[in-house]
C-alpha cells in the first residue's frame, strides 16, 4: 500500500514538473490574453466536459471571487452553470452567441475525445470574435484544428486519466495567479 501511495504522488510530482516546463509559454500567453480582455472591460467565459466541468467552474470562481489575493471580482461566467438544464451539441454555442461579444475570451477545458458541444462552442466563439483558450485532452485534434490563428492551446494529451485532470487543475490555478499578477502586480 505504501508503494502505491508513493507511486501515485511521484506521478503527480512528475506531471507538475512537465506542466511547469513544457507549458510555461502558452500559459503566459493565455494569462496575458485574459488580463488584456479584463482590462478592456470584457467577460471571460468558461466551459468544460466530463471530468473537466469542475475545473471550468473553478476557473470562473477564481476570476469572479479572487484567487490568492483579495481584490474586486472580474466578469467571469461559467457556461456549464448557465446552461445547467440544457443538453445537446449547441448548448454552449447558444450562450456564446447570446452573451458573447468581440474581445471576450472563452476558456475551454476538455477531458478529451473532441466533444461536439465544445467544438460548436469554439465555432460560435470564432464567429463572435471571442478569443479562445483550449486546455485540451487526449484525442482533441478536431478542437485544436478549429482554433483561430490568435487562439491558444495548452495540450494535456500526454497525460492519462487523473494525471490529465491534475495537470489541468494546476494550469487553471497558474492562469489565475498570473492574471492577478499582471493586473495587480506583486509577488
N, C-alpha and C. Protein backbone atom coordinates (compact mmCIF):
# COMPACT_ATOMS: atom_id res chain seq x y z
N UNK A 1 0.82 -1.19 0.00
CA UNK A 1 0.00 0.00 0.00
C UNK A 1 0.87 1.27 0.00
N UNK A 2 1.93 1.28 0.81
CA UNK A 2 2.80 2.44 0.87
C UNK A 2 3.45 2.72 -0.48
N UNK A 3 3.82 1.64 -1.19
CA UNK A 3 4.43 1.80 -2.51
C UNK A 3 3.44 2.43 -3.49
N UNK A 4 2.17 2.03 -3.43
CA UNK A 4 1.15 2.62 -4.30
C UNK A 4 0.97 4.11 -4.01
N UNK A 5 0.98 4.46 -2.74
CA UNK A 5 0.84 5.88 -2.36
C UNK A 5 2.03 6.66 -2.88
N UNK A 6 3.23 6.14 -2.66
CA UNK A 6 4.43 6.81 -3.14
C UNK A 6 4.41 6.98 -4.66
N UNK A 7 4.04 5.91 -5.36
CA UNK A 7 3.99 5.95 -6.83
C UNK A 7 2.98 6.97 -7.32
N UNK A 8 1.82 7.02 -6.67
CA UNK A 8 0.78 8.00 -7.05
C UNK A 8 1.34 9.42 -6.96
N UNK A 9 1.90 9.76 -5.82
CA UNK A 9 2.39 11.13 -5.65
C UNK A 9 3.63 11.43 -6.47
N UNK A 10 4.43 10.41 -6.75
CA UNK A 10 5.57 10.59 -7.63
C UNK A 10 5.10 10.97 -9.03
N UNK A 11 4.05 10.30 -9.52
CA UNK A 11 3.50 10.63 -10.83
C UNK A 11 2.91 12.04 -10.86
N UNK A 12 2.26 12.45 -9.79
CA UNK A 12 1.71 13.81 -9.72
C UNK A 12 2.84 14.84 -9.74
N UNK A 13 3.91 14.57 -9.01
CA UNK A 13 5.06 15.49 -8.99
C UNK A 13 5.70 15.56 -10.38
N UNK A 14 5.86 14.43 -11.04
CA UNK A 14 6.42 14.42 -12.39
C UNK A 14 5.53 15.20 -13.35
N UNK A 15 4.22 15.05 -13.20
CA UNK A 15 3.27 15.79 -14.04
C UNK A 15 3.43 17.29 -13.80
N UNK A 16 3.56 17.69 -12.54
CA UNK A 16 3.74 19.10 -12.20
C UNK A 16 5.00 19.66 -12.86
N UNK A 17 6.07 18.91 -12.85
CA UNK A 17 7.32 19.36 -13.46
C UNK A 17 7.15 19.53 -14.97
N UNK A 18 6.47 18.59 -15.61
CA UNK A 18 6.25 18.69 -17.06
C UNK A 18 5.38 19.90 -17.38
N UNK A 19 4.32 20.09 -16.61
CA UNK A 19 3.41 21.24 -16.84
C UNK A 19 4.18 22.54 -16.73
N UNK A 20 4.96 22.69 -15.66
CA UNK A 20 5.72 23.93 -15.45
C UNK A 20 6.75 24.18 -16.53
N UNK A 21 7.34 23.12 -17.03
CA UNK A 21 8.40 23.26 -18.04
C UNK A 21 7.83 23.40 -19.45
N UNK A 22 6.98 22.48 -19.84
CA UNK A 22 6.53 22.41 -21.23
C UNK A 22 5.44 23.43 -21.57
N UNK A 23 4.67 23.86 -20.59
CA UNK A 23 3.51 24.71 -20.89
C UNK A 23 3.67 26.15 -20.42
N UNK A 24 4.85 26.54 -20.00
CA UNK A 24 5.01 27.90 -19.47
C UNK A 24 4.73 28.97 -20.53
N UNK A 25 5.15 28.73 -21.75
CA UNK A 25 4.92 29.74 -22.81
C UNK A 25 3.43 29.91 -23.15
N UNK A 26 2.70 28.83 -23.43
CA UNK A 26 1.27 29.04 -23.71
C UNK A 26 0.48 29.53 -22.49
N UNK A 27 0.90 29.14 -21.26
CA UNK A 27 0.21 29.65 -20.08
C UNK A 27 0.42 31.14 -19.92
N UNK A 28 1.64 31.61 -20.18
CA UNK A 28 1.91 33.05 -20.10
C UNK A 28 1.10 33.81 -21.16
N UNK A 29 1.04 33.26 -22.37
CA UNK A 29 0.26 33.90 -23.43
C UNK A 29 -1.23 33.92 -23.10
N UNK A 30 -1.73 32.83 -22.53
CA UNK A 30 -3.14 32.74 -22.16
C UNK A 30 -3.47 33.74 -21.05
N UNK A 31 -2.61 33.84 -20.04
CA UNK A 31 -2.84 34.79 -18.95
C UNK A 31 -2.83 36.22 -19.47
N UNK A 32 -1.94 36.50 -20.40
CA UNK A 32 -1.89 37.85 -20.98
C UNK A 32 -3.17 38.15 -21.77
N UNK A 33 -3.66 37.18 -22.52
CA UNK A 33 -4.90 37.35 -23.29
C UNK A 33 -6.08 37.63 -22.35
N UNK A 34 -6.15 36.87 -21.26
CA UNK A 34 -7.23 37.04 -20.29
C UNK A 34 -7.12 38.40 -19.61
N UNK A 35 -5.92 38.76 -19.16
CA UNK A 35 -5.73 40.04 -18.47
C UNK A 35 -6.07 41.22 -19.38
N UNK A 36 -5.64 41.17 -20.63
CA UNK A 36 -5.96 42.25 -21.57
C UNK A 36 -7.46 42.37 -21.79
N UNK A 37 -8.14 41.24 -21.90
CA UNK A 37 -9.60 41.27 -22.08
C UNK A 37 -10.27 41.88 -20.87
N UNK A 38 -9.84 41.49 -19.67
CA UNK A 38 -10.44 42.03 -18.45
C UNK A 38 -10.19 43.53 -18.33
N UNK A 39 -8.98 43.95 -18.62
CA UNK A 39 -8.65 45.39 -18.54
C UNK A 39 -9.44 46.21 -19.56
N UNK A 40 -9.85 45.57 -20.65
CA UNK A 40 -10.64 46.25 -21.68
C UNK A 40 -12.15 46.20 -21.35
N UNK A 41 -12.51 45.60 -20.21
CA UNK A 41 -13.91 45.53 -19.81
C UNK A 41 -14.67 44.36 -20.38
N UNK A 42 -13.96 43.37 -20.86
CA UNK A 42 -14.62 42.19 -21.45
C UNK A 42 -14.88 41.11 -20.41
N UNK A 43 -15.64 40.12 -20.83
CA UNK A 43 -16.03 38.99 -19.98
C UNK A 43 -15.24 37.75 -20.36
N UNK A 44 -14.95 36.93 -19.36
CA UNK A 44 -14.27 35.66 -19.58
C UNK A 44 -15.29 34.55 -19.35
N UNK A 45 -15.52 33.74 -20.37
CA UNK A 45 -16.43 32.60 -20.28
C UNK A 45 -15.61 31.34 -20.12
N UNK A 46 -16.20 30.33 -19.51
CA UNK A 46 -15.53 29.03 -19.42
C UNK A 46 -16.56 27.93 -19.57
N UNK A 47 -16.09 26.79 -20.05
CA UNK A 47 -16.92 25.59 -20.08
C UNK A 47 -16.01 24.38 -20.17
N UNK A 48 -16.56 23.25 -19.77
CA UNK A 48 -15.80 22.01 -19.82
C UNK A 48 -16.73 20.84 -20.04
N UNK A 49 -16.15 19.69 -20.25
CA UNK A 49 -16.95 18.48 -20.43
C UNK A 49 -16.43 17.39 -19.51
N UNK A 50 -17.30 16.47 -19.18
CA UNK A 50 -16.98 15.29 -18.36
C UNK A 50 -16.26 15.69 -17.08
N UNK A 51 -15.08 15.14 -16.85
CA UNK A 51 -14.33 15.43 -15.62
C UNK A 51 -13.79 16.85 -15.57
N UNK A 52 -13.84 17.57 -16.68
CA UNK A 52 -13.33 18.93 -16.74
C UNK A 52 -14.35 19.99 -16.34
N UNK A 53 -15.61 19.58 -16.15
CA UNK A 53 -16.65 20.55 -15.75
C UNK A 53 -16.27 21.30 -14.47
N UNK A 54 -15.84 20.60 -13.41
CA UNK A 54 -15.49 21.33 -12.18
C UNK A 54 -14.30 22.27 -12.36
N UNK A 55 -13.38 21.92 -13.25
CA UNK A 55 -12.22 22.79 -13.48
C UNK A 55 -12.64 24.09 -14.16
N UNK A 56 -13.57 24.01 -15.11
CA UNK A 56 -14.07 25.22 -15.76
C UNK A 56 -14.82 26.09 -14.76
N UNK A 57 -15.59 25.47 -13.88
CA UNK A 57 -16.30 26.21 -12.84
C UNK A 57 -15.31 26.86 -11.87
N UNK A 58 -14.29 26.12 -11.47
CA UNK A 58 -13.28 26.64 -10.56
C UNK A 58 -12.58 27.86 -11.16
N UNK A 59 -12.27 27.78 -12.44
CA UNK A 59 -11.63 28.91 -13.14
C UNK A 59 -12.50 30.17 -13.04
N UNK A 60 -13.79 30.03 -13.35
CA UNK A 60 -14.70 31.18 -13.26
C UNK A 60 -14.83 31.68 -11.84
N UNK A 61 -14.90 30.76 -10.88
CA UNK A 61 -14.99 31.16 -9.47
C UNK A 61 -13.76 31.94 -9.05
N UNK A 62 -12.58 31.45 -9.42
CA UNK A 62 -11.34 32.16 -9.06
C UNK A 62 -11.32 33.57 -9.65
N UNK A 63 -11.76 33.72 -10.90
CA UNK A 63 -11.76 35.05 -11.51
C UNK A 63 -12.81 35.95 -10.86
N UNK A 64 -13.98 35.41 -10.61
CA UNK A 64 -15.07 36.22 -10.08
C UNK A 64 -14.88 36.57 -8.59
N UNK A 65 -14.25 35.69 -7.84
CA UNK A 65 -14.16 35.89 -6.40
C UNK A 65 -12.76 36.19 -5.90
N UNK A 66 -11.77 36.02 -6.73
CA UNK A 66 -10.38 36.20 -6.30
C UNK A 66 -9.71 34.86 -6.11
N UNK A 67 -8.42 34.84 -6.36
CA UNK A 67 -7.68 33.59 -6.23
C UNK A 67 -6.82 33.62 -4.97
N UNK A 68 -5.67 34.24 -5.02
CA UNK A 68 -4.78 34.26 -3.86
C UNK A 68 -4.72 35.61 -3.17
N UNK A 69 -5.31 36.63 -3.78
CA UNK A 69 -5.30 37.96 -3.18
C UNK A 69 -6.73 38.47 -3.08
N UNK A 70 -6.94 39.35 -2.12
CA UNK A 70 -8.25 39.98 -2.02
C UNK A 70 -8.30 41.10 -3.06
N UNK A 71 -9.32 41.05 -3.89
CA UNK A 71 -9.45 42.01 -4.97
C UNK A 71 -10.90 42.05 -5.43
N UNK A 72 -11.24 43.07 -6.21
CA UNK A 72 -12.59 43.08 -6.79
C UNK A 72 -12.75 41.91 -7.77
N UNK A 73 -13.98 41.44 -7.94
CA UNK A 73 -14.23 40.33 -8.85
C UNK A 73 -14.15 40.76 -10.30
N UNK A 74 -13.79 39.82 -11.13
CA UNK A 74 -13.76 40.03 -12.57
C UNK A 74 -15.01 39.44 -13.19
N UNK A 75 -15.46 39.97 -14.33
CA UNK A 75 -16.63 39.39 -15.00
C UNK A 75 -16.27 38.04 -15.64
N UNK A 76 -16.78 36.99 -15.02
CA UNK A 76 -16.50 35.63 -15.47
C UNK A 76 -17.77 34.80 -15.36
N UNK A 77 -18.12 34.11 -16.43
CA UNK A 77 -19.32 33.28 -16.46
C UNK A 77 -18.96 31.86 -16.87
N UNK A 78 -19.47 30.91 -16.10
CA UNK A 78 -19.29 29.51 -16.45
C UNK A 78 -20.50 29.04 -17.24
N UNK A 79 -20.29 28.62 -18.46
CA UNK A 79 -21.39 28.20 -19.33
C UNK A 79 -22.02 26.89 -18.88
N UNK A 80 -21.26 26.04 -18.18
CA UNK A 80 -21.86 24.82 -17.65
C UNK A 80 -22.96 25.17 -16.65
N UNK A 81 -22.69 26.14 -15.79
CA UNK A 81 -23.69 26.58 -14.81
C UNK A 81 -24.85 27.27 -15.50
N UNK A 82 -24.52 28.13 -16.45
CA UNK A 82 -25.53 28.91 -17.16
C UNK A 82 -26.49 28.00 -17.93
N UNK A 83 -25.96 26.92 -18.49
CA UNK A 83 -26.75 26.01 -19.31
C UNK A 83 -27.00 24.68 -18.59
N UNK A 84 -27.10 24.75 -17.29
CA UNK A 84 -27.23 23.57 -16.43
C UNK A 84 -28.32 22.60 -16.86
N UNK A 85 -29.43 23.11 -17.31
CA UNK A 85 -30.56 22.24 -17.68
C UNK A 85 -30.69 22.04 -19.18
N UNK A 86 -29.68 22.40 -19.92
CA UNK A 86 -29.70 22.25 -21.37
C UNK A 86 -28.82 21.09 -21.79
N UNK A 87 -29.24 20.46 -22.87
CA UNK A 87 -28.48 19.33 -23.39
C UNK A 87 -28.32 19.52 -24.90
N UNK A 88 -27.46 18.76 -25.48
CA UNK A 88 -27.26 18.84 -26.92
C UNK A 88 -25.99 19.55 -27.28
N UNK A 89 -25.61 19.39 -28.52
CA UNK A 89 -24.34 19.90 -29.01
C UNK A 89 -24.27 21.42 -29.06
N UNK A 90 -25.40 22.08 -29.11
CA UNK A 90 -25.41 23.54 -29.26
C UNK A 90 -25.52 24.30 -27.94
N UNK A 91 -25.56 23.61 -26.81
CA UNK A 91 -25.86 24.29 -25.55
C UNK A 91 -24.89 25.41 -25.20
N UNK A 92 -23.60 25.20 -25.36
CA UNK A 92 -22.63 26.26 -25.04
C UNK A 92 -22.58 27.30 -26.15
N UNK A 93 -22.70 26.83 -27.37
CA UNK A 93 -22.67 27.73 -28.53
C UNK A 93 -23.80 28.76 -28.44
N UNK A 94 -24.99 28.33 -28.00
CA UNK A 94 -26.11 29.26 -27.87
C UNK A 94 -25.80 30.36 -26.87
N UNK A 95 -25.19 30.02 -25.75
CA UNK A 95 -24.82 31.03 -24.76
C UNK A 95 -23.78 31.98 -25.30
N UNK A 96 -22.80 31.45 -26.00
CA UNK A 96 -21.76 32.30 -26.59
C UNK A 96 -22.39 33.26 -27.60
N UNK A 97 -23.31 32.75 -28.41
CA UNK A 97 -23.97 33.61 -29.41
C UNK A 97 -24.78 34.72 -28.74
N UNK A 98 -25.44 34.42 -27.64
CA UNK A 98 -26.29 35.41 -26.96
C UNK A 98 -25.48 36.34 -26.07
N UNK A 99 -24.57 35.78 -25.28
CA UNK A 99 -23.86 36.56 -24.26
C UNK A 99 -22.53 37.16 -24.76
N UNK A 100 -21.87 36.50 -25.69
CA UNK A 100 -20.52 36.90 -26.08
C UNK A 100 -20.48 38.10 -26.99
N UNK A 101 -19.36 38.82 -26.89
CA UNK A 101 -19.10 39.94 -27.80
C UNK A 101 -17.61 39.95 -28.15
N UNK A 102 -17.31 40.62 -29.24
CA UNK A 102 -15.92 40.68 -29.69
C UNK A 102 -15.04 41.17 -28.55
N UNK A 103 -13.93 40.49 -28.37
CA UNK A 103 -12.98 40.86 -27.32
C UNK A 103 -13.11 40.01 -26.06
N UNK A 104 -14.25 39.35 -25.87
CA UNK A 104 -14.39 38.42 -24.75
C UNK A 104 -13.47 37.23 -24.99
N UNK A 105 -13.30 36.41 -23.97
CA UNK A 105 -12.46 35.22 -24.08
C UNK A 105 -13.25 34.01 -23.58
N UNK A 106 -13.11 32.89 -24.29
CA UNK A 106 -13.70 31.62 -23.89
C UNK A 106 -12.58 30.65 -23.54
N UNK A 107 -12.57 30.19 -22.29
CA UNK A 107 -11.63 29.15 -21.86
C UNK A 107 -12.38 27.83 -21.86
N UNK A 108 -11.86 26.86 -22.59
CA UNK A 108 -12.47 25.53 -22.68
C UNK A 108 -11.52 24.52 -22.04
N UNK A 109 -12.08 23.72 -21.13
CA UNK A 109 -11.31 22.65 -20.50
C UNK A 109 -11.92 21.34 -21.00
N UNK A 110 -11.14 20.59 -21.75
CA UNK A 110 -11.64 19.36 -22.35
C UNK A 110 -11.07 18.13 -21.67
N UNK A 111 -11.93 17.17 -21.42
CA UNK A 111 -11.49 15.87 -20.89
C UNK A 111 -11.02 14.96 -22.02
N UNK A 112 -11.11 15.43 -23.26
CA UNK A 112 -10.64 14.65 -24.41
C UNK A 112 -11.76 14.15 -25.29
N UNK A 113 -11.38 13.60 -26.40
CA UNK A 113 -12.28 12.96 -27.37
C UNK A 113 -13.16 13.92 -28.15
N UNK A 114 -12.71 15.13 -28.40
CA UNK A 114 -13.38 16.06 -29.32
C UNK A 114 -14.88 16.22 -29.06
N UNK A 115 -15.24 16.64 -27.87
CA UNK A 115 -16.65 16.84 -27.53
C UNK A 115 -17.32 17.76 -28.56
N UNK A 116 -18.44 17.30 -29.10
CA UNK A 116 -19.18 18.09 -30.09
C UNK A 116 -19.68 19.41 -29.48
N UNK A 117 -20.11 19.38 -28.23
CA UNK A 117 -20.58 20.60 -27.57
C UNK A 117 -19.45 21.63 -27.45
N UNK A 118 -18.23 21.17 -27.16
CA UNK A 118 -17.09 22.09 -27.07
C UNK A 118 -16.69 22.58 -28.45
N UNK A 119 -16.77 21.71 -29.45
CA UNK A 119 -16.45 22.10 -30.82
C UNK A 119 -17.39 23.20 -31.31
N UNK A 120 -18.69 23.05 -31.07
CA UNK A 120 -19.63 24.09 -31.50
C UNK A 120 -19.44 25.38 -30.71
N UNK A 121 -19.00 25.26 -29.45
CA UNK A 121 -18.70 26.46 -28.65
C UNK A 121 -17.53 27.23 -29.26
N UNK A 122 -16.50 26.49 -29.67
CA UNK A 122 -15.34 27.14 -30.32
C UNK A 122 -15.78 27.83 -31.60
N UNK A 123 -16.57 27.15 -32.42
CA UNK A 123 -17.04 27.75 -33.67
C UNK A 123 -17.87 29.01 -33.42
N UNK A 124 -18.73 28.98 -32.40
CA UNK A 124 -19.53 30.16 -32.06
C UNK A 124 -18.64 31.29 -31.57
N UNK A 125 -17.63 30.95 -30.78
CA UNK A 125 -16.71 31.98 -30.28
C UNK A 125 -15.95 32.64 -31.42
N UNK A 126 -15.52 31.84 -32.37
CA UNK A 126 -14.80 32.39 -33.53
C UNK A 126 -15.73 33.28 -34.34
N UNK A 127 -16.98 32.85 -34.54
CA UNK A 127 -17.96 33.68 -35.26
C UNK A 127 -18.20 35.02 -34.58
N UNK A 128 -18.22 35.02 -33.23
CA UNK A 128 -18.48 36.23 -32.47
C UNK A 128 -17.21 37.02 -32.16
N UNK A 129 -16.06 36.55 -32.64
CA UNK A 129 -14.76 37.19 -32.45
C UNK A 129 -14.30 37.19 -30.99
N UNK A 130 -14.56 36.09 -30.30
CA UNK A 130 -14.01 35.89 -28.98
C UNK A 130 -12.66 35.22 -29.12
N UNK A 131 -11.75 35.51 -28.22
CA UNK A 131 -10.52 34.75 -28.14
C UNK A 131 -10.81 33.41 -27.49
N UNK A 132 -10.09 32.38 -27.88
CA UNK A 132 -10.32 31.04 -27.32
C UNK A 132 -9.02 30.51 -26.75
N UNK A 133 -9.13 29.95 -25.54
CA UNK A 133 -8.03 29.24 -24.90
C UNK A 133 -8.53 27.83 -24.64
N UNK A 134 -7.83 26.85 -25.16
CA UNK A 134 -8.23 25.45 -25.03
C UNK A 134 -7.23 24.69 -24.18
N UNK A 135 -7.70 24.11 -23.09
CA UNK A 135 -6.93 23.15 -22.33
C UNK A 135 -7.38 21.80 -22.85
N UNK A 136 -6.60 21.24 -23.76
CA UNK A 136 -7.05 20.04 -24.48
C UNK A 136 -6.64 18.77 -23.75
N UNK A 137 -7.34 17.70 -24.12
CA UNK A 137 -7.04 16.38 -23.59
C UNK A 137 -6.69 15.43 -24.72
N UNK A 138 -6.74 14.15 -24.42
CA UNK A 138 -6.43 13.12 -25.39
C UNK A 138 -7.45 13.14 -26.53
N UNK A 139 -6.99 12.98 -27.75
CA UNK A 139 -7.84 12.91 -28.94
C UNK A 139 -8.66 14.19 -29.17
N UNK A 140 -8.09 15.33 -28.92
CA UNK A 140 -8.77 16.60 -29.17
C UNK A 140 -8.24 17.29 -30.43
N UNK A 141 -7.86 16.52 -31.41
CA UNK A 141 -7.29 17.08 -32.63
C UNK A 141 -8.29 17.98 -33.38
N UNK A 142 -9.57 17.64 -33.40
CA UNK A 142 -10.56 18.48 -34.08
C UNK A 142 -10.75 19.81 -33.34
N UNK A 143 -10.77 19.77 -32.02
CA UNK A 143 -10.89 21.01 -31.25
C UNK A 143 -9.70 21.92 -31.54
N UNK A 144 -8.51 21.36 -31.48
CA UNK A 144 -7.29 22.14 -31.72
C UNK A 144 -7.26 22.70 -33.14
N UNK A 145 -7.69 21.88 -34.11
CA UNK A 145 -7.66 22.31 -35.52
C UNK A 145 -8.68 23.42 -35.80
N UNK A 146 -9.71 23.53 -35.00
CA UNK A 146 -10.75 24.54 -35.21
C UNK A 146 -10.33 25.91 -34.72
N UNK A 147 -9.35 25.97 -33.84
CA UNK A 147 -8.93 27.25 -33.26
C UNK A 147 -8.43 28.21 -34.33
N UNK A 148 -8.62 29.50 -34.05
CA UNK A 148 -8.12 30.54 -34.94
C UNK A 148 -6.64 30.79 -34.73
N UNK A 149 -6.09 31.64 -35.55
CA UNK A 149 -4.65 31.92 -35.54
C UNK A 149 -4.18 32.48 -34.20
N UNK A 150 -4.94 33.37 -33.59
CA UNK A 150 -4.53 34.01 -32.34
C UNK A 150 -5.03 33.27 -31.10
N UNK A 151 -5.67 32.13 -31.28
CA UNK A 151 -6.14 31.36 -30.15
C UNK A 151 -5.00 30.53 -29.57
N UNK A 152 -5.20 30.01 -28.38
CA UNK A 152 -4.12 29.33 -27.66
C UNK A 152 -4.60 27.94 -27.24
N UNK A 153 -3.72 26.97 -27.42
CA UNK A 153 -4.00 25.62 -26.92
C UNK A 153 -2.91 25.25 -25.92
N UNK A 154 -3.34 24.70 -24.80
CA UNK A 154 -2.42 24.16 -23.80
C UNK A 154 -2.75 22.67 -23.72
N UNK A 155 -1.91 21.84 -24.36
CA UNK A 155 -2.27 20.42 -24.52
C UNK A 155 -1.86 19.56 -23.32
N UNK A 156 -2.83 18.86 -22.75
CA UNK A 156 -2.55 17.92 -21.66
C UNK A 156 -2.70 16.49 -22.16
N UNK A 157 -2.63 16.31 -23.48
CA UNK A 157 -2.89 15.00 -24.09
C UNK A 157 -1.85 13.95 -23.71
N UNK A 158 -0.68 14.36 -23.29
CA UNK A 158 0.34 13.37 -22.95
C UNK A 158 0.06 12.69 -21.61
N UNK A 159 -0.88 13.24 -20.86
CA UNK A 159 -1.23 12.66 -19.57
C UNK A 159 -2.51 11.84 -19.70
N UNK A 160 -2.60 10.79 -18.93
CA UNK A 160 -3.76 9.91 -18.98
C UNK A 160 -4.58 10.05 -17.70
N UNK A 161 -5.90 9.92 -17.83
CA UNK A 161 -6.81 9.85 -16.69
C UNK A 161 -6.66 10.97 -15.70
N UNK A 162 -6.48 10.59 -14.44
CA UNK A 162 -6.43 11.57 -13.37
C UNK A 162 -5.21 12.48 -13.47
N UNK A 163 -4.16 12.05 -14.14
CA UNK A 163 -2.99 12.93 -14.30
C UNK A 163 -3.31 14.09 -15.25
N UNK A 164 -4.14 13.85 -16.26
CA UNK A 164 -4.58 14.95 -17.14
C UNK A 164 -5.40 15.95 -16.34
N UNK A 165 -6.29 15.47 -15.49
CA UNK A 165 -7.10 16.35 -14.66
C UNK A 165 -6.21 17.12 -13.70
N UNK A 166 -5.23 16.46 -13.11
CA UNK A 166 -4.30 17.14 -12.20
C UNK A 166 -3.51 18.22 -12.93
N UNK A 167 -3.07 17.92 -14.14
CA UNK A 167 -2.34 18.91 -14.93
C UNK A 167 -3.22 20.10 -15.25
N UNK A 168 -4.45 19.86 -15.66
CA UNK A 168 -5.36 20.97 -15.99
C UNK A 168 -5.72 21.78 -14.74
N UNK A 169 -5.85 21.13 -13.60
CA UNK A 169 -6.09 21.84 -12.35
C UNK A 169 -4.94 22.80 -12.06
N UNK A 170 -3.71 22.33 -12.21
CA UNK A 170 -2.55 23.18 -11.98
C UNK A 170 -2.48 24.32 -12.98
N UNK A 171 -2.87 24.06 -14.22
CA UNK A 171 -2.88 25.11 -15.24
C UNK A 171 -3.92 26.17 -14.88
N UNK A 172 -5.10 25.77 -14.46
CA UNK A 172 -6.15 26.72 -14.06
C UNK A 172 -5.64 27.61 -12.92
N UNK A 173 -5.04 27.01 -11.91
CA UNK A 173 -4.53 27.79 -10.79
C UNK A 173 -3.42 28.75 -11.23
N UNK A 174 -2.53 28.27 -12.06
CA UNK A 174 -1.44 29.12 -12.54
C UNK A 174 -1.96 30.28 -13.37
N UNK A 175 -2.92 30.01 -14.25
CA UNK A 175 -3.50 31.09 -15.06
C UNK A 175 -4.10 32.18 -14.18
N UNK A 176 -4.84 31.78 -13.16
CA UNK A 176 -5.48 32.76 -12.29
C UNK A 176 -4.45 33.56 -11.50
N UNK A 177 -3.40 32.91 -11.03
CA UNK A 177 -2.33 33.61 -10.32
C UNK A 177 -1.63 34.60 -11.26
N UNK A 178 -1.38 34.18 -12.50
CA UNK A 178 -0.72 35.06 -13.48
C UNK A 178 -1.59 36.25 -13.83
N UNK A 179 -2.90 36.04 -13.98
CA UNK A 179 -3.81 37.14 -14.29
C UNK A 179 -3.81 38.14 -13.15
N UNK A 180 -3.94 37.67 -11.92
CA UNK A 180 -3.89 38.57 -10.76
C UNK A 180 -2.59 39.36 -10.74
N UNK A 181 -1.48 38.68 -11.01
CA UNK A 181 -0.18 39.36 -11.01
C UNK A 181 -0.09 40.39 -12.12
N UNK A 182 -0.57 40.07 -13.32
CA UNK A 182 -0.49 41.03 -14.42
C UNK A 182 -1.34 42.26 -14.17
N UNK A 183 -2.48 42.09 -13.52
CA UNK A 183 -3.37 43.22 -13.31
C UNK A 183 -3.01 44.01 -12.05
N UNK A 184 -2.64 43.29 -10.98
CA UNK A 184 -2.42 43.96 -9.70
C UNK A 184 -0.97 43.99 -9.26
N UNK A 185 -0.08 43.29 -9.96
CA UNK A 185 1.33 43.27 -9.59
C UNK A 185 1.57 42.42 -8.36
N UNK A 186 2.71 42.60 -7.71
CA UNK A 186 3.03 41.84 -6.52
C UNK A 186 3.85 40.63 -6.85
N UNK A 187 4.03 39.81 -5.85
CA UNK A 187 4.85 38.59 -5.97
C UNK A 187 4.14 37.54 -6.75
